[in-house]
């Protein structure tokens, strides 16, 4: 299969990225949401570390909220989103590919997609993986998907400085409405190398507790 035929091999289009950032962050996010709060515990991340963001997933707005909190303007790194194949269709897919997103089959991820994700991690890119695997609008208890742990574990063979950041996102209204509030809370970084002895089930339970803790902080800050 030729590389150019893969929807995961697109680089971020600089011009489109600049326009998208201006429109979404300076116009859409500014006027749609009344209050925007990002809680950072003032932790520091080693410069050469590879970062995997692991947020709760409550709305399609999550991607824009994450980009505002941890995107290029803040971290000097773009958020590279791992999304489902259905999200990469049509006009939306055309834009997403050129903004650094790539698709993966959650039930049976291809080696090509996994290798590409690992390559991004190895190069120090900032990868976003929603461990719940889908939008969980009302925060019902879900078993986290296995993808993040498998991916991070494989990546440790290339780099021993992989950090996972649990993140909680909450909105004052469900679903988010015009002039509602949002809060994003960043948890303490998890050093992947310290948890390689855990099984997938054990790690997912550990990560889930961390994510829910941050979400509870975010919920409190939006009055829920």
Protein backbone atom coordinates (compact mmCIF):
# COMPACT_ATOMS: atom_id res chain seq x y z
CA UNK A 1 0.00 0.00 0.00
CA UNK A 2 1.43 3.35 -1.00
CA UNK A 3 1.92 5.87 1.74
CA UNK A 4 0.03 8.56 -0.14
CA UNK A 5 -3.07 6.36 -0.13
CA UNK A 6 -3.22 6.24 3.66
CA UNK A 7 -5.40 8.75 5.44
CA UNK A 8 -2.99 8.80 8.39
CA UNK A 9 0.04 10.13 6.56
CA UNK A 10 -1.05 13.72 6.07
CA UNK A 11 1.10 16.38 7.66
CA UNK A 12 -0.48 19.41 9.26
CA UNK A 13 -1.13 22.09 6.66
CA UNK A 14 0.49 25.24 8.14
CA UNK A 15 -1.91 27.73 6.51
CA UNK A 16 -5.01 25.69 7.29
CA UNK A 17 -3.76 25.09 10.82
CA UNK A 18 -3.31 28.82 11.42
CA UNK A 19 -6.74 29.65 10.03
CA UNK A 20 -8.41 26.84 11.99
CA UNK A 21 -6.76 27.96 15.23
CA UNK A 22 -7.80 31.58 14.71
CA UNK A 23 -11.40 30.74 13.81
CA UNK A 24 -11.96 28.14 16.54
CA UNK A 25 -10.09 29.70 19.46
CA UNK A 26 -10.39 33.43 18.81
CA UNK A 27 -13.94 33.46 17.44
CA UNK A 28 -15.96 30.29 18.04
CA UNK A 29 -14.69 29.37 21.53
CA UNK A 30 -14.60 32.99 22.66
CA UNK A 31 -18.22 33.71 21.80
CA UNK A 32 -19.85 30.31 22.31
CA UNK A 33 -18.65 29.76 25.89
CA UNK A 34 -19.22 32.30 28.65
CA UNK A 35 -16.50 31.10 31.01
CA UNK A 36 -13.46 28.99 30.17
CA UNK A 37 -11.32 27.57 32.95
CA UNK A 38 -8.21 25.43 32.66
CA UNK A 39 -6.76 23.98 35.86
CA UNK A 40 -3.07 23.17 35.70
CA UNK A 41 -1.36 21.72 38.77
CA UNK A 42 1.85 23.56 37.83
CA UNK A 43 3.65 20.33 37.08
CA UNK A 44 6.64 20.31 34.77
CA UNK A 45 7.23 17.86 31.96
CA UNK A 46 10.76 17.05 30.74
CA UNK A 47 11.40 18.70 27.39
CA UNK A 48 12.26 15.45 25.60
CA UNK A 49 9.26 13.52 26.87
CA UNK A 50 6.58 12.10 24.59
CA UNK A 51 3.09 13.07 25.75
CA UNK A 52 -0.16 11.14 25.47
CA UNK A 53 -3.22 13.09 26.56
CA UNK A 54 -5.97 10.88 28.04
CA UNK A 55 -9.15 12.95 28.45
CA UNK A 56 -12.71 12.09 29.35
CA UNK A 57 -14.99 12.40 26.31
CA UNK A 58 -18.29 14.20 26.90
CA UNK A 59 -18.86 16.24 23.75
CA UNK A 60 -17.64 16.99 20.24
CA UNK A 61 -16.37 20.25 21.75
CA UNK A 62 -13.69 18.28 23.64
CA UNK A 63 -11.22 18.51 20.77
CA UNK A 64 -11.39 22.31 20.65
CA UNK A 65 -11.19 22.55 24.44
CA UNK A 66 -8.09 20.33 24.46
CA UNK A 67 -6.46 22.35 21.71
CA UNK A 68 -7.07 25.56 23.65
CA UNK A 69 -5.57 24.04 26.82
CA UNK A 70 -2.68 22.05 25.38
CA UNK A 71 -2.28 23.11 21.76
CA UNK A 72 0.49 24.92 19.95
CA UNK A 73 -0.14 28.28 21.58
CA UNK A 74 0.45 26.75 25.02
CA UNK A 75 2.85 23.84 24.57
CA UNK A 76 4.33 24.65 21.14
CA UNK A 77 3.07 21.24 20.09
CA UNK A 78 0.03 20.39 18.01
CA UNK A 79 -2.55 17.96 19.35
CA UNK A 80 -2.51 14.91 17.10
CA UNK A 81 -5.91 13.27 17.50
CA UNK A 82 -6.53 9.57 17.02
CA UNK A 83 -10.14 9.35 15.79
CA UNK A 84 -12.55 6.74 14.46
CA UNK A 85 -12.81 5.99 10.75
CA UNK A 86 -16.37 7.36 10.61
CA UNK A 87 -15.09 10.79 11.64
CA UNK A 88 -12.67 10.85 8.70
CA UNK A 89 -15.34 10.73 6.01
CA UNK A 90 -16.39 13.47 3.61
CA UNK A 91 -15.55 17.15 3.99
CA UNK A 92 -14.96 16.79 7.72
CA UNK A 93 -12.38 14.08 7.08
CA UNK A 94 -10.61 16.23 4.49
CA UNK A 95 -10.11 18.98 7.08
CA UNK A 96 -9.24 16.62 9.93
CA UNK A 97 -6.51 14.89 7.91
CA UNK A 98 -4.88 18.21 7.14
CA UNK A 99 -5.10 19.29 10.77
CA UNK A 100 -3.08 16.31 11.99
CA UNK A 101 -5.81 13.78 12.82
CA UNK A 102 -5.64 10.16 11.75
CA UNK A 103 -8.06 7.27 11.93
CA UNK A 104 -7.89 3.90 13.61
CA UNK A 105 -10.21 0.90 13.68
CA UNK A 106 -10.97 0.47 17.38
CA UNK A 107 -12.02 -3.17 17.02
CA UNK A 108 -9.07 -4.22 14.88
CA UNK A 109 -6.36 -1.56 14.62
CA UNK A 110 -4.08 -1.99 11.64
CA UNK A 111 -0.33 -2.33 12.06
CA UNK A 112 0.08 0.71 9.82
CA UNK A 113 -1.99 2.91 12.13
CA UNK A 114 -0.23 1.60 15.24
CA UNK A 115 3.20 2.13 13.71
CA UNK A 116 2.28 5.66 12.70
CA UNK A 117 1.03 6.48 16.21
CA UNK A 118 4.21 5.05 17.74
CA UNK A 119 6.27 7.05 15.25
CA UNK A 120 4.51 10.25 16.38
CA UNK A 121 5.18 9.38 20.02
CA UNK A 122 8.84 8.59 19.29
CA UNK A 123 9.25 11.97 17.58
CA UNK A 124 7.92 13.74 20.66
CA UNK A 125 4.56 14.69 19.17
CA UNK A 126 1.55 15.21 21.43
CA UNK A 127 -0.92 12.41 20.87
CA UNK A 128 -4.56 12.57 22.04
CA UNK A 129 -6.33 9.30 22.77
CA UNK A 130 -9.84 9.16 24.25
CA UNK A 131 -9.62 6.01 26.44
CA UNK A 132 -13.41 5.65 26.61
CA UNK A 133 -13.45 5.14 22.84
CA UNK A 134 -16.58 7.24 22.22
CA UNK A 135 -18.53 10.21 23.51
CA UNK A 136 -19.90 9.35 26.95
CA UNK A 137 -22.24 12.34 27.29
CA UNK A 138 -23.47 11.76 30.84
CA UNK A 139 -20.30 10.22 32.28
CA UNK A 140 -21.76 6.75 32.75
CA UNK A 141 -19.28 4.17 33.97
CA UNK A 142 -17.48 2.59 31.04
CA UNK A 143 -14.68 0.08 30.73
CA UNK A 144 -11.78 1.87 29.09
CA UNK A 145 -10.63 0.56 25.75
CA UNK A 146 -7.33 -1.31 25.58
CA UNK A 147 -5.81 0.82 22.84
CA UNK A 148 -4.03 3.46 24.90
CA UNK A 149 -2.19 1.00 27.13
CA UNK A 150 -1.20 -1.26 24.22
CA UNK A 151 0.04 1.73 22.26
CA UNK A 152 1.97 3.25 25.17
CA UNK A 153 3.51 -0.11 26.06
CA UNK A 154 4.68 -0.69 22.49
CA UNK A 155 6.07 2.84 22.36
CA UNK A 156 8.23 2.24 25.44
CA UNK A 157 10.35 -0.01 23.23
CA UNK A 158 11.30 3.12 21.30
CA UNK A 159 11.36 5.66 24.14
CA UNK A 160 11.48 5.30 27.93
CA UNK A 161 10.22 8.85 28.51
CA UNK A 162 6.51 8.44 27.75
CA UNK A 163 4.10 10.42 29.88
CA UNK A 164 0.33 10.02 30.07
CA UNK A 165 -1.70 12.96 31.35
CA UNK A 166 -5.19 12.14 32.70
CA UNK A 167 -7.64 14.93 31.93
CA UNK A 168 -11.16 15.73 33.05
CA UNK A 169 -13.46 17.92 30.94
CA UNK A 170 -16.84 19.21 32.12
CA UNK A 171 -19.51 21.56 30.82
CA UNK A 172 -22.12 23.47 32.79
CA UNK A 173 -24.82 22.22 30.40
CA UNK A 174 -25.34 18.78 28.87
CA UNK A 175 -24.99 19.03 25.97
CA UNK A 176 -22.99 22.29 25.91
CA UNK A 177 -25.19 25.25 25.01
CA UNK A 178 -24.49 28.80 23.84
CA UNK A 179 -22.88 30.89 26.62
CA UNK A 180 -22.44 27.89 28.91
CA UNK A 181 -19.17 27.24 30.78
CA UNK A 182 -16.46 24.62 30.51
CA UNK A 183 -13.58 23.54 32.71
CA UNK A 184 -10.62 21.31 31.91
CA UNK A 185 -8.51 19.87 34.71
CA UNK A 186 -5.06 18.41 34.06
CA UNK A 187 -3.96 15.55 36.32
CA UNK A 188 -0.47 14.71 37.48
CA UNK A 189 1.62 13.10 34.70
CA UNK A 190 1.92 9.32 34.76
CA UNK A 191 5.33 7.90 33.86
CA UNK A 192 4.57 4.88 31.68
CA UNK A 193 7.85 3.16 32.55
CA UNK A 194 6.70 2.91 36.19
CA UNK A 195 3.60 0.89 35.27
CA UNK A 196 4.82 -1.71 32.79
CA UNK A 197 4.25 -4.50 35.31
CA UNK A 198 0.49 -3.89 35.32
CA UNK A 199 -1.99 -5.83 33.21
CA UNK A 200 -4.26 -3.93 30.82
CA UNK A 201 -7.17 -4.28 33.24
CA UNK A 202 -5.11 -3.03 36.19
CA UNK A 203 -3.73 -0.06 34.29
CA UNK A 204 -7.13 0.92 32.91
CA UNK A 205 -8.64 0.88 36.41
CA UNK A 206 -5.74 3.03 37.63
CA UNK A 207 -6.09 5.48 34.74
CA UNK A 208 -9.87 5.61 35.05
CA UNK A 209 -9.61 6.65 38.70
CA UNK A 210 -7.23 9.46 37.73
CA UNK A 211 -9.47 10.67 34.90
CA UNK A 212 -12.61 10.64 37.03
CA UNK A 213 -10.81 12.52 39.81
CA UNK A 214 -9.96 15.31 37.36
CA UNK A 215 -13.47 15.30 35.95
CA UNK A 216 -14.92 15.75 39.44
CA UNK A 217 -12.70 18.81 39.87
CA UNK A 218 -13.90 20.16 36.51
CA UNK A 219 -17.56 19.46 37.35
CA UNK A 220 -17.26 21.34 40.62
CA UNK A 221 -15.87 24.34 38.79
CA UNK A 222 -18.83 24.51 36.39
CA UNK A 223 -21.37 24.14 39.19
CA UNK A 224 -22.36 20.52 38.70
